[in-house]
Structure formats: structure tokens, C-alpha cells
Amino acid sequence: CWFHYTEGLRELLRRPHLRIEDPLHTTGAGALGYYLEYVGLPDLPPRRLLAKTYWRGSPELKYRATWLPSDADKGYRSTQIRVGFMTAFYFRHSVGLLTEGVIRTLNRQKF
């Protein structure tokens, strides 16, 4: 699973022309590597490959608002832990229903 997943991403990256037309609607649990945690191997390397694949296939995902300075992230230190949530299943799905409570009850002093 882990090996085939990473090899599949590497194969996509070897293509001279890679285009992901609609990245928002072409992702799913498998595409995002949801099951990688169950293999017992590090999931960071394949997730980095996945990010590289999406950035190459959909360069518009790299968009940065023109009003943000180019060094906006450099030296940024917050006392809070920054957390982002991304899923296609926030609405009418058990994942969204369960995650809603987690997000709503996060300690805003820490996150």
C-alpha cells in the first residue's frame, strides 16, 4: 500500500505534462493518503510527494494573495498552535458531523 502509493505519486511527477483540472473535487480519502496511518510507516514522505504532485498538477494552488508581503511567513512565531482542517466531507457525512464537535470545542487559547 505505502510503497505503491508513493511509487504512483513518483510516476505522476515523472510525466512531462501533469494537470489536475479540479483539485477540490478530485481528492478523496484514498487520494489524500488517509490509509497511510494504518500501515505503520512514516506518512510524512508520501504526504510531501502528494503536495508536490498537487502543486505541479494545479499550480494555481500556490496562489498567494498580492496584498501579502512575500516574507509574511518568515519569522512568524505565535504562542498558539496553528491548525488547519481540510476535507471534502464536512457536510452530510459522518466525518464532518464528528469533526464539527472537535473543531467547535478546541481550546482557543492553545489553538
PDB file of N, CA and C in Angstrom:
ATOM      1  N   CYS A   1       0.834  -1.196   0.000  1.00  0.00           N
ATOM      2  CA  CYS A   1       0.000   0.000   0.000  1.00  0.00           C
ATOM      3  C   CYS A   1       0.880   1.261   0.000  1.00  0.00           C
ATOM      4  N   TRP A   2       1.717   1.419   1.030  1.00  0.00           N
ATOM      5  CA  TRP A   2       2.581   2.599   1.172  1.00  0.00           C
ATOM      6  C   TRP A   2       3.520   2.702  -0.028  1.00  0.00           C
ATOM      7  N   PHE A   3       4.147   1.585  -0.384  1.00  0.00           N
ATOM      8  CA  PHE A   3       5.092   1.570  -1.491  1.00  0.00           C
ATOM      9  C   PHE A   3       4.393   1.900  -2.807  1.00  0.00           C
ATOM     10  N   HIS A   4       3.265   1.275  -3.060  1.00  0.00           N
ATOM     11  CA  HIS A   4       2.537   1.511  -4.313  1.00  0.00           C
ATOM     12  C   HIS A   4       2.026   2.950  -4.390  1.00  0.00           C
ATOM     13  N   TYR A   5       1.612   3.474  -3.250  1.00  0.00           N
ATOM     14  CA  TYR A   5       1.114   4.849  -3.202  1.00  0.00           C
ATOM     15  C   TYR A   5       2.226   5.829  -3.573  1.00  0.00           C
ATOM     16  N   THR A   6       3.391   5.676  -2.940  1.00  0.00           N
ATOM     17  CA  THR A   6       4.494   6.604  -3.219  1.00  0.00           C
ATOM     18  C   THR A   6       5.027   6.422  -4.645  1.00  0.00           C
ATOM     19  N   GLU A   7       5.083   5.187  -5.116  1.00  0.00           N
ATOM     20  CA  GLU A   7       5.531   4.948  -6.496  1.00  0.00           C
ATOM     21  C   GLU A   7       4.548   5.547  -7.495  1.00  0.00           C
ATOM     22  N   GLY A   8       3.266   5.465  -7.201  1.00  0.00           N
ATOM     23  CA  GLY A   8       2.267   6.085  -8.069  1.00  0.00           C
ATOM     24  C   GLY A   8       2.441   7.590  -8.148  1.00  0.00           C
ATOM     25  N   LEU A   9       2.734   8.222  -7.003  1.00  0.00           N
ATOM     26  CA  LEU A   9       2.971   9.672  -6.995  1.00  0.00           C
ATOM     27  C   LEU A   9       4.238  10.017  -7.768  1.00  0.00           C
ATOM     28  N   ARG A  10       5.280   9.219  -7.579  1.00  0.00           N
ATOM     29  CA  ARG A  10       6.526   9.465  -8.323  1.00  0.00           C
ATOM     30  C   ARG A  10       6.304   9.330  -9.828  1.00  0.00           C
ATOM     31  N   GLU A  11       5.500   8.362 -10.209  1.00  0.00           N
ATOM     32  CA  GLU A  11       5.188   8.177 -11.627  1.00  0.00           C
ATOM     33  C   GLU A  11       4.449   9.401 -12.178  1.00  0.00           C
ATOM     34  N   LEU A  12       3.514   9.934 -11.429  1.00  0.00           N
ATOM     35  CA  LEU A  12       2.812  11.149 -11.858  1.00  0.00           C
ATOM     36  C   LEU A  12       3.784  12.304 -12.023  1.00  0.00           C
ATOM     37  N   LEU A  13       4.725  12.431 -11.092  1.00  0.00           N
ATOM     38  CA  LEU A  13       5.686  13.530 -11.151  1.00  0.00           C
ATOM     39  C   LEU A  13       6.667  13.382 -12.317  1.00  0.00           C
ATOM     40  N   ARG A  14       6.860  12.171 -12.803  1.00  0.00           N
ATOM     41  CA  ARG A  14       7.751  11.958 -13.955  1.00  0.00           C
ATOM     42  C   ARG A  14       7.090  12.354 -15.274  1.00  0.00           C
ATOM     43  N   ARG A  15       5.806  12.509 -15.279  1.00  0.00           N
ATOM     44  CA  ARG A  15       5.101  12.866 -16.517  1.00  0.00           C
ATOM     45  C   ARG A  15       5.498  14.286 -16.932  1.00  0.00           C
ATOM     46  N   PRO A  16       5.747  14.471 -18.231  1.00  0.00           N
ATOM     47  CA  PRO A  16       6.144  15.814 -18.675  1.00  0.00           C
ATOM     48  C   PRO A  16       5.013  16.835 -18.537  1.00  0.00           C
ATOM     49  N   HIS A  17       3.776  16.376 -18.665  1.00  0.00           N
ATOM     50  CA  HIS A  17       2.631  17.282 -18.557  1.00  0.00           C
ATOM     51  C   HIS A  17       1.645  16.690 -17.556  1.00  0.00           C
ATOM     52  N   LEU A  18       1.608  17.253 -16.399  1.00  0.00           N
ATOM     53  CA  LEU A  18       0.693  16.794 -15.359  1.00  0.00           C
ATOM     54  C   LEU A  18      -0.302  17.913 -15.101  1.00  0.00           C
ATOM     55  N   ARG A  19      -1.572  17.602 -15.214  1.00  0.00           N
ATOM     56  CA  ARG A  19      -2.604  18.606 -14.969  1.00  0.00           C
ATOM     57  C   ARG A  19      -3.727  17.989 -14.161  1.00  0.00           C
ATOM     58  N   ILE A  20      -4.000  18.560 -13.011  1.00  0.00           N
ATOM     59  CA  ILE A  20      -5.147  18.175 -12.187  1.00  0.00           C
ATOM     60  C   ILE A  20      -6.159  19.299 -12.359  1.00  0.00           C
ATOM     61  N   GLU A  21      -7.160  19.072 -13.173  1.00  0.00           N
ATOM     62  CA  GLU A  21      -8.108  20.120 -13.564  1.00  0.00           C
ATOM     63  C   GLU A  21      -8.915  20.680 -12.399  1.00  0.00           C
ATOM     64  N   ASP A  22      -9.378  19.817 -11.532  1.00  0.00           N
ATOM     65  CA  ASP A  22     -10.260  20.256 -10.447  1.00  0.00           C
ATOM     66  C   ASP A  22      -9.794  19.632  -9.136  1.00  0.00           C
ATOM     67  N   PRO A  23      -8.732  20.169  -8.531  1.00  0.00           N
ATOM     68  CA  PRO A  23      -8.168  19.526  -7.343  1.00  0.00           C
ATOM     69  C   PRO A  23      -9.134  19.438  -6.167  1.00  0.00           C
ATOM     70  N   LEU A  24     -10.062  20.370  -6.073  1.00  0.00           N
ATOM     71  CA  LEU A  24     -11.016  20.346  -4.965  1.00  0.00           C
ATOM     72  C   LEU A  24     -11.918  19.124  -5.028  1.00  0.00           C
ATOM     73  N   HIS A  25     -12.308  18.730  -6.237  1.00  0.00           N
ATOM     74  CA  HIS A  25     -13.251  17.629  -6.387  1.00  0.00           C
ATOM     75  C   HIS A  25     -12.607  16.316  -6.819  1.00  0.00           C
ATOM     76  N   THR A  26     -11.298  16.270  -6.950  1.00  0.00           N
ATOM     77  CA  THR A  26     -10.639  15.023  -7.318  1.00  0.00           C
ATOM     78  C   THR A  26      -9.933  14.391  -6.132  1.00  0.00           C
ATOM     79  N   THR A  27     -10.108  14.954  -4.967  1.00  0.00           N
ATOM     80  CA  THR A  27      -9.492  14.366  -3.785  1.00  0.00           C
ATOM     81  C   THR A  27     -10.516  13.513  -3.064  1.00  0.00           C
ATOM     82  N   GLY A  28     -10.034  12.560  -2.366  1.00  0.00           N
ATOM     83  CA  GLY A  28     -10.875  11.686  -1.556  1.00  0.00           C
ATOM     84  C   GLY A  28      -9.989  11.045  -0.511  1.00  0.00           C
ATOM     85  N   ALA A  29     -10.544  10.194   0.276  1.00  0.00           N
ATOM     86  CA  ALA A  29      -9.769   9.575   1.352  1.00  0.00           C
ATOM     87  C   ALA A  29      -8.529   8.876   0.808  1.00  0.00           C
ATOM     88  N   GLY A  30      -8.661   8.144  -0.282  1.00  0.00           N
ATOM     89  CA  GLY A  30      -7.518   7.444  -0.854  1.00  0.00           C
ATOM     90  C   GLY A  30      -6.502   8.398  -1.451  1.00  0.00           C
ATOM     91  N   ALA A  31      -6.996   9.427  -2.142  1.00  0.00           N
ATOM     92  CA  ALA A  31      -6.100  10.378  -2.788  1.00  0.00           C
ATOM     93  C   ALA A  31      -5.271  11.149  -1.780  1.00  0.00           C
ATOM     94  N   LEU A  32      -5.826  11.391  -0.624  1.00  0.00           N
ATOM     95  CA  LEU A  32      -5.098  12.149   0.397  1.00  0.00           C
ATOM     96  C   LEU A  32      -4.271  11.260   1.307  1.00  0.00           C
ATOM     97  N   GLY A  33      -4.216  10.006   1.020  1.00  0.00           N
ATOM     98  CA  GLY A  33      -3.390   9.114   1.814  1.00  0.00           C
ATOM     99  C   GLY A  33      -3.979   8.778   3.166  1.00  0.00           C
ATOM    100  N   TYR A  34      -5.288   8.770   3.256  1.00  0.00           N
ATOM    101  CA  TYR A  34      -5.963   8.528   4.533  1.00  0.00           C
ATOM    102  C   TYR A  34      -5.501   7.237   5.200  1.00  0.00           C
ATOM    103  N   TYR A  35      -5.297   6.198   4.401  1.00  0.00           N
ATOM    104  CA  TYR A  35      -4.981   4.892   4.977  1.00  0.00           C
ATOM    105  C   TYR A  35      -3.501   4.712   5.300  1.00  0.00           C
ATOM    106  N   LEU A  36      -2.674   5.699   5.008  1.00  0.00           N
ATOM    107  CA  LEU A  36      -1.240   5.564   5.274  1.00  0.00           C
ATOM    108  C   LEU A  36      -0.945   5.355   6.759  1.00  0.00           C
ATOM    109  N   GLU A  37      -1.758   5.925   7.628  1.00  0.00           N
ATOM    110  CA  GLU A  37      -1.528   5.783   9.066  1.00  0.00           C
ATOM    111  C   GLU A  37      -1.646   4.336   9.522  1.00  0.00           C
ATOM    112  N   TYR A  38      -2.427   3.549   8.824  1.00  0.00           N
ATOM    113  CA  TYR A  38      -2.679   2.176   9.233  1.00  0.00           C
ATOM    114  C   TYR A  38      -1.563   1.215   8.833  1.00  0.00           C
ATOM    115  N   VAL A  39      -0.648   1.663   7.992  1.00  0.00           N
ATOM    116  CA  VAL A  39       0.436   0.811   7.513  1.00  0.00           C
ATOM    117  C   VAL A  39       1.543   0.706   8.558  1.00  0.00           C
ATOM    118  N   GLY A  40       1.662   1.714   9.402  1.00  0.00           N
ATOM    119  CA  GLY A  40       2.697   1.703  10.428  1.00  0.00           C
ATOM    120  C   GLY A  40       4.024   2.240   9.949  1.00  0.00           C
ATOM    121  N   LEU A  41       4.039   2.898   8.808  1.00  0.00           N
ATOM    122  CA  LEU A  41       5.252   3.513   8.276  1.00  0.00           C
ATOM    123  C   LEU A  41       5.086   5.028   8.314  1.00  0.00           C
ATOM    124  N   PRO A  42       6.182   5.769   8.247  1.00  0.00           N
ATOM    125  CA  PRO A  42       6.075   7.232   8.274  1.00  0.00           C
ATOM    126  C   PRO A  42       5.198   7.740   7.130  1.00  0.00           C
ATOM    127  N   ASP A  43       4.270   8.632   7.441  1.00  0.00           N
ATOM    128  CA  ASP A  43       3.393   9.145   6.387  1.00  0.00           C
ATOM    129  C   ASP A  43       3.827  10.508   5.870  1.00  0.00           C
ATOM    130  N   LEU A  44       4.829  11.135   6.485  1.00  0.00           N
ATOM    131  CA  LEU A  44       5.255  12.456   6.025  1.00  0.00           C
ATOM    132  C   LEU A  44       5.871  12.424   4.622  1.00  0.00           C
ATOM    133  N   PRO A  45       6.782  11.491   4.301  1.00  0.00           N
ATOM    134  CA  PRO A  45       7.342  11.487   2.935  1.00  0.00           C
ATOM    135  C   PRO A  45       6.281  11.350   1.838  1.00  0.00           C
ATOM    136  N   PRO A  46       5.330  10.402   1.949  1.00  0.00           N
ATOM    137  CA  PRO A  46       4.325  10.359   0.878  1.00  0.00           C
ATOM    138  C   PRO A  46       3.411  11.571   0.864  1.00  0.00           C
ATOM    139  N   ARG A  47       3.156  12.164   2.005  1.00  0.00           N
ATOM    140  CA  ARG A  47       2.317  13.375   2.017  1.00  0.00           C
ATOM    141  C   ARG A  47       3.036  14.545   1.352  1.00  0.00           C
ATOM    142  N   ARG A  48       4.344  14.612   1.525  1.00  0.00           N
ATOM    143  CA  ARG A  48       5.111  15.649   0.828  1.00  0.00           C
ATOM    144  C   ARG A  48       5.081  15.407  -0.681  1.00  0.00           C
ATOM    145  N   LEU A  49       5.196  14.147  -1.084  1.00  0.00           N
ATOM    146  CA  LEU A  49       5.081  13.813  -2.508  1.00  0.00           C
ATOM    147  C   LEU A  49       3.705  14.188  -3.043  1.00  0.00           C
ATOM    148  N   LEU A  50       2.671  13.952  -2.246  1.00  0.00           N
ATOM    149  CA  LEU A  50       1.315  14.298  -2.650  1.00  0.00           C
ATOM    150  C   LEU A  50       1.184  15.811  -2.839  1.00  0.00           C
ATOM    151  N   ALA A  51       1.732  16.585  -1.896  1.00  0.00           N
ATOM    152  CA  ALA A  51       1.683  18.046  -2.019  1.00  0.00           C
ATOM    153  C   ALA A  51       2.421  18.509  -3.270  1.00  0.00           C
ATOM    154  N   LYS A  52       3.585  17.929  -3.523  1.00  0.00           N
ATOM    155  CA  LYS A  52       4.364  18.276  -4.710  1.00  0.00           C
ATOM    156  C   LYS A  52       3.580  17.946  -5.982  1.00  0.00           C
ATOM    157  N   THR A  53       2.900  16.808  -5.974  1.00  0.00           N
ATOM    158  CA  THR A  53       2.092  16.395  -7.120  1.00  0.00           C
ATOM    159  C   THR A  53       0.963  17.389  -7.375  1.00  0.00           C
ATOM    160  N   TYR A  54       0.274  17.789  -6.320  1.00  0.00           N
ATOM    161  CA  TYR A  54      -0.824  18.750  -6.483  1.00  0.00           C
ATOM    162  C   TYR A  54      -0.309  20.116  -6.920  1.00  0.00           C
ATOM    163  N   TRP A  55       0.806  20.558  -6.364  1.00  0.00           N
ATOM    164  CA  TRP A  55       1.347  21.859  -6.751  1.00  0.00           C
ATOM    165  C   TRP A  55       1.781  21.843  -8.214  1.00  0.00           C
ATOM    166  N   ARG A  56       2.322  20.720  -8.661  1.00  0.00           N
ATOM    167  CA  ARG A  56       2.757  20.630 -10.056  1.00  0.00           C
ATOM    168  C   ARG A  56       1.552  20.481 -10.989  1.00  0.00           C
ATOM    169  N   GLY A  57       0.569  19.689 -10.583  1.00  0.00           N
ATOM    170  CA  GLY A  57      -0.598  19.454 -11.428  1.00  0.00           C
ATOM    171  C   GLY A  57      -1.616  20.572 -11.412  1.00  0.00           C
ATOM    172  N   SER A  58      -1.602  21.373 -10.364  1.00  0.00           N
ATOM    173  CA  SER A  58      -2.524  22.515 -10.237  1.00  0.00           C
ATOM    174  C   SER A  58      -1.761  23.695  -9.657  1.00  0.00           C
ATOM    175  N   PRO A  59      -0.947  24.352 -10.471  1.00  0.00           N
ATOM    176  CA  PRO A  59      -0.110  25.437  -9.953  1.00  0.00           C
ATOM    177  C   PRO A  59      -0.900  26.576  -9.316  1.00  0.00           C
ATOM    178  N   GLU A  60      -2.183  26.677  -9.659  1.00  0.00           N
ATOM    179  CA  GLU A  60      -2.997  27.736  -9.048  1.00  0.00           C
ATOM    180  C   GLU A  60      -3.133  27.554  -7.536  1.00  0.00           C
ATOM    181  N   LEU A  61      -2.846  26.351  -7.043  1.00  0.00           N
ATOM    182  CA  LEU A  61      -2.899  26.126  -5.593  1.00  0.00           C
ATOM    183  C   LEU A  61      -1.797  26.888  -4.866  1.00  0.00           C
ATOM    184  N   LYS A  62      -0.781  27.311  -5.596  1.00  0.00           N
ATOM    185  CA  LYS A  62       0.315  28.080  -4.998  1.00  0.00           C
ATOM    186  C   LYS A  62      -0.024  29.572  -4.897  1.00  0.00           C
ATOM    187  N   TYR A  63      -1.201  29.936  -5.325  1.00  0.00           N
ATOM    188  CA  TYR A  63      -1.573  31.350  -5.329  1.00  0.00           C
ATOM    189  C   TYR A  63      -1.365  31.982  -3.964  1.00  0.00           C
ATOM    190  N   ARG A  64      -0.792  33.144  -3.972  1.00  0.00           N
ATOM    191  CA  ARG A  64      -0.598  33.918  -2.744  1.00  0.00           C
ATOM    192  C   ARG A  64      -1.201  35.296  -3.002  1.00  0.00           C
ATOM    193  N   ALA A  65      -2.071  35.711  -2.119  1.00  0.00           N
ATOM    194  CA  ALA A  65      -2.740  37.000  -2.290  1.00  0.00           C
ATOM    195  C   ALA A  65      -1.702  38.104  -2.487  1.00  0.00           C
ATOM    196  N   THR A  66      -1.958  38.982  -3.441  1.00  0.00           N
ATOM    197  CA  THR A  66      -0.994  40.036  -3.772  1.00  0.00           C
ATOM    198  C   THR A  66      -0.786  41.016  -2.634  1.00  0.00           C
ATOM    199  N   TRP A  67      -1.748  41.112  -1.733  1.00  0.00           N
ATOM    200  CA  TRP A  67      -1.608  42.051  -0.636  1.00  0.00           C
ATOM    201  C   TRP A  67      -0.739  41.510   0.502  1.00  0.00           C
ATOM    202  N   LEU A  68      -0.386  40.217   0.447  1.00  0.00           N
ATOM    203  CA  LEU A  68       0.505  39.649   1.459  1.00  0.00           C
ATOM    204  C   LEU A  68       1.948  39.918   1.082  1.00  0.00           C
ATOM    205  N   PRO A  69       2.762  40.385   2.030  1.00  0.00           N
ATOM    206  CA  PRO A  69       4.188  40.563   1.712  1.00  0.00           C
ATOM    207  C   PRO A  69       4.839  39.208   1.451  1.00  0.00           C
ATOM    208  N   SER A  70       5.849  39.175   0.616  1.00  0.00           N
ATOM    209  CA  SER A  70       6.484  37.914   0.234  1.00  0.00           C
ATOM    210  C   SER A  70       7.157  37.231   1.421  1.00  0.00           C
ATOM    211  N   ASP A  71       7.508  37.983   2.437  1.00  0.00           N
ATOM    212  CA  ASP A  71       8.162  37.385   3.604  1.00  0.00           C
ATOM    213  C   ASP A  71       7.203  37.260   4.791  1.00  0.00           C
ATOM    214  N   ALA A  72       5.910  37.161   4.515  1.00  0.00           N
ATOM    215  CA  ALA A  72       4.906  37.151   5.586  1.00  0.00           C
ATOM    216  C   ALA A  72       5.095  36.003   6.568  1.00  0.00           C
ATOM    217  N   ASP A  73       5.564  34.857   6.099  1.00  0.00           N
ATOM    218  CA  ASP A  73       5.714  33.703   6.983  1.00  0.00           C
ATOM    219  C   ASP A  73       7.059  33.644   7.682  1.00  0.00           C
ATOM    220  N   LYS A  74       8.032  34.380   7.200  1.00  0.00           N
ATOM    221  CA  LYS A  74       9.368  34.324   7.784  1.00  0.00           C
ATOM    222  C   LYS A  74       9.376  34.963   9.164  1.00  0.00           C
ATOM    223  N   GLY A  75       9.868  34.243  10.104  1.00  0.00           N
ATOM    224  CA  GLY A  75       9.994  34.780  11.448  1.00  0.00           C
ATOM    225  C   GLY A  75       8.701  34.835  12.232  1.00  0.00           C
ATOM    226  N   TYR A  76       7.624  34.310  11.691  1.00  0.00           N
ATOM    227  CA  TYR A  76       6.344  34.331  12.396  1.00  0.00           C
ATOM    228  C   TYR A  76       6.381  33.350  13.552  1.00  0.00           C
ATOM    229  N   ARG A  77       6.133  33.828  14.724  1.00  0.00           N
ATOM    230  CA  ARG A  77       6.085  32.972  15.908  1.00  0.00           C
ATOM    231  C   ARG A  77       4.829  33.325  16.700  1.00  0.00           C
ATOM    232  N   SER A  78       3.971  32.369  16.789  1.00  0.00           N
ATOM    233  CA  SER A  78       2.733  32.575  17.531  1.00  0.00           C
ATOM    234  C   SER A  78       2.783  31.758  18.811  1.00  0.00           C
ATOM    235  N   THR A  79       2.109  32.219  19.815  1.00  0.00           N
ATOM    236  CA  THR A  79       2.004  31.432  21.041  1.00  0.00           C
ATOM    237  C   THR A  79       0.972  30.323  20.872  1.00  0.00           C
ATOM    238  N   GLN A  80       0.147  30.445  19.847  1.00  0.00           N
ATOM    239  CA  GLN A  80      -0.857  29.431  19.583  1.00  0.00           C
ATOM    240  C   GLN A  80      -0.357  28.434  18.541  1.00  0.00           C
ATOM    241  N   ILE A  81      -0.838  27.213  18.636  1.00  0.00           N
ATOM    242  CA  ILE A  81      -0.558  26.191  17.634  1.00  0.00           C
ATOM    243  C   ILE A  81      -1.532  26.411  16.489  1.00  0.00           C
ATOM    244  N   ARG A  82      -1.020  26.531  15.285  1.00  0.00           N
ATOM    245  CA  ARG A  82      -1.876  26.765  14.120  1.00  0.00           C
ATOM    246  C   ARG A  82      -2.324  25.422  13.555  1.00  0.00           C
ATOM    247  N   VAL A  83      -3.616  25.263  13.412  1.00  0.00           N
ATOM    248  CA  VAL A  83      -4.194  24.018  12.931  1.00  0.00           C
ATOM    249  C   VAL A  83      -5.126  24.331  11.769  1.00  0.00           C
ATOM    250  N   GLY A  84      -5.051  23.520  10.726  1.00  0.00           N
ATOM    251  CA  GLY A  84      -5.971  23.655   9.602  1.00  0.00           C
ATOM    252  C   GLY A  84      -6.705  22.344   9.382  1.00  0.00           C
ATOM    253  N   PHE A  85      -7.938  22.420   8.964  1.00  0.00           N
ATOM    254  CA  PHE A  85      -8.749  21.235   8.711  1.00  0.00           C
ATOM    255  C   PHE A  85      -9.193  21.259   7.254  1.00  0.00           C
ATOM    256  N   MET A  86      -8.965  20.157   6.556  1.00  0.00           N
ATOM    257  CA  MET A  86      -9.364  20.066   5.159  1.00  0.00           C
ATOM    258  C   MET A  86      -9.994  18.706   4.901  1.00  0.00           C
ATOM    259  N   THR A  87     -11.193  18.724   4.390  1.00  0.00           N
ATOM    260  CA  THR A  87     -11.864  17.503   3.997  1.00  0.00           C
ATOM    261  C   THR A  87     -12.997  17.844   3.050  1.00  0.00           C
ATOM    262  N   ALA A  88     -13.327  16.917   2.216  1.00  0.00           N
ATOM    263  CA  ALA A  88     -14.486  17.092   1.343  1.00  0.00           C
ATOM    264  C   ALA A  88     -15.752  16.617   2.046  1.00  0.00           C
ATOM    265  N   PHE A  89     -15.637  16.176   3.293  1.00  0.00           N
ATOM    266  CA  PHE A  89     -16.744  15.523   3.981  1.00  0.00           C
ATOM    267  C   PHE A  89     -17.270  16.300   5.180  1.00  0.00           C
ATOM    268  N   TYR A  90     -17.196  17.627   5.169  1.00  0.00           N
ATOM    269  CA  TYR A  90     -17.716  18.388   6.305  1.00  0.00           C
ATOM    270  C   TYR A  90     -19.238  18.346   6.378  1.00  0.00           C
ATOM    271  N   PHE A  91     -19.896  18.209   5.264  1.00  0.00           N
ATOM    272  CA  PHE A  91     -21.350  18.284   5.241  1.00  0.00           C
ATOM    273  C   PHE A  91     -21.972  16.934   4.905  1.00  0.00           C
ATOM    274  N   ARG A  92     -23.030  16.580   5.603  1.00  0.00           N
ATOM    275  CA  ARG A  92     -23.798  15.360   5.338  1.00  0.00           C
ATOM    276  C   ARG A  92     -22.928  14.099   5.301  1.00  0.00           C
ATOM    277  N   HIS A  93     -21.978  14.037   6.180  1.00  0.00           N
ATOM    278  CA  HIS A  93     -21.093  12.875   6.236  1.00  0.00           C
ATOM    279  C   HIS A  93     -20.661  12.691   7.686  1.00  0.00           C
ATOM    280  N   SER A  94     -20.476  11.443   8.080  1.00  0.00           N
ATOM    281  CA  SER A  94     -20.122  11.168   9.474  1.00  0.00           C
ATOM    282  C   SER A  94     -18.828  11.860   9.888  1.00  0.00           C
ATOM    283  N   VAL A  95     -17.862  11.956   8.981  1.00  0.00           N
ATOM    284  CA  VAL A  95     -16.598  12.631   9.313  1.00  0.00           C
ATOM    285  C   VAL A  95     -16.865  14.090   9.654  1.00  0.00           C
ATOM    286  N   GLY A  96     -17.676  14.747   8.842  1.00  0.00           N
ATOM    287  CA  GLY A  96     -17.994  16.147   9.103  1.00  0.00           C
ATOM    288  C   GLY A  96     -18.762  16.329  10.396  1.00  0.00           C
ATOM    289  N   LEU A  97     -19.709  15.450  10.647  1.00  0.00           N
ATOM    290  CA  LEU A  97     -20.513  15.558  11.866  1.00  0.00           C
ATOM    291  C   LEU A  97     -19.654  15.365  13.116  1.00  0.00           C
ATOM    292  N   LEU A  98     -18.731  14.422  13.063  1.00  0.00           N
ATOM    293  CA  LEU A  98     -17.852  14.184  14.219  1.00  0.00           C
ATOM    294  C   LEU A  98     -16.807  15.280  14.367  1.00  0.00           C
ATOM    295  N   THR A  99     -16.243  15.723  13.248  1.00  0.00           N
ATOM    296  CA  THR A  99     -15.190  16.732  13.293  1.00  0.00           C
ATOM    297  C   THR A  99     -15.726  18.079  13.740  1.00  0.00           C
ATOM    298  N   GLU A 100     -16.961  18.364  13.431  1.00  0.00           N
ATOM    299  CA  GLU A 100     -17.551  19.642  13.825  1.00  0.00           C
ATOM    300  C   GLU A 100     -17.434  19.859  15.331  1.00  0.00           C
ATOM    301  N   GLY A 101     -17.726  18.837  16.110  1.00  0.00           N
ATOM    302  CA  GLY A 101     -17.624  18.954  17.564  1.00  0.00           C
ATOM    303  C   GLY A 101     -16.193  19.151  18.029  1.00  0.00           C
ATOM    304  N   VAL A 102     -15.271  18.479  17.389  1.00  0.00           N
ATOM    305  CA  VAL A 102     -13.849  18.639  17.740  1.00  0.00           C
ATOM    306  C   VAL A 102     -13.410  20.075  17.484  1.00  0.00           C
ATOM    307  N   ILE A 103     -13.731  20.591  16.315  1.00  0.00           N
ATOM    308  CA  ILE A 103     -13.333  21.956  15.964  1.00  0.00           C
ATOM    309  C   ILE A 103     -13.990  22.969  16.883  1.00  0.00           C
ATOM    310  N   ARG A 104     -15.272  22.780  17.146  1.00  0.00           N
ATOM    311  CA  ARG A 104     -16.013  23.730  17.972  1.00  0.00           C
ATOM    312  C   ARG A 104     -15.473  23.794  19.404  1.00  0.00           C
ATOM    313  N   THR A 105     -14.975  22.671  19.904  1.00  0.00           N
ATOM    314  CA  THR A 105     -14.548  22.642  21.309  1.00  0.00           C
ATOM    315  C   THR A 105     -13.033  22.780  21.495  1.00  0.00           C
ATOM    316  N   LEU A 106     -12.300  23.107  20.429  1.00  0.00           N
ATOM    317  CA  LEU A 106     -10.873  23.328  20.592  1.00  0.00           C
ATOM    318  C   LEU A 106     -10.605  24.487  21.547  1.00  0.00           C
ATOM    319  N   ASN A 107      -9.621  24.336  22.373  1.00  0.00           N
ATOM    320  CA  ASN A 107      -9.218  25.393  23.301  1.00  0.00           C
ATOM    321  C   ASN A 107      -8.605  26.536  22.493  1.00  0.00           C
ATOM    322  N   ARG A 108      -9.297  27.656  22.414  1.00  0.00           N
ATOM    323  CA  ARG A 108      -8.854  28.794  21.589  1.00  0.00           C
ATOM    324  C   ARG A 108      -7.620  29.473  22.169  1.00  0.00           C
ATOM    325  N   GLN A 109      -7.274  29.192  23.408  1.00  0.00           N
ATOM    326  CA  GLN A 109      -6.041  29.725  23.982  1.00  0.00           C
ATOM    327  C   GLN A 109      -4.818  28.989  23.439  1.00  0.00           C
ATOM    328  N   LYS A 110      -5.015  27.701  23.114  1.00  0.00           N
ATOM    329  CA  LYS A 110      -3.911  26.884  22.602  1.00  0.00           C
ATOM    330  C   LYS A 110      -3.896  26.796  21.083  1.00  0.00           C
ATOM    331  N   PHE A 111      -5.104  26.819  20.466  1.00  0.00           N
ATOM    332  CA  PHE A 111      -5.209  26.608  19.024  1.00  0.00           C
ATOM    333  C   PHE A 111      -5.930  27.774  18.367  1.00  0.00           C
TER     334      PHE A 111
END
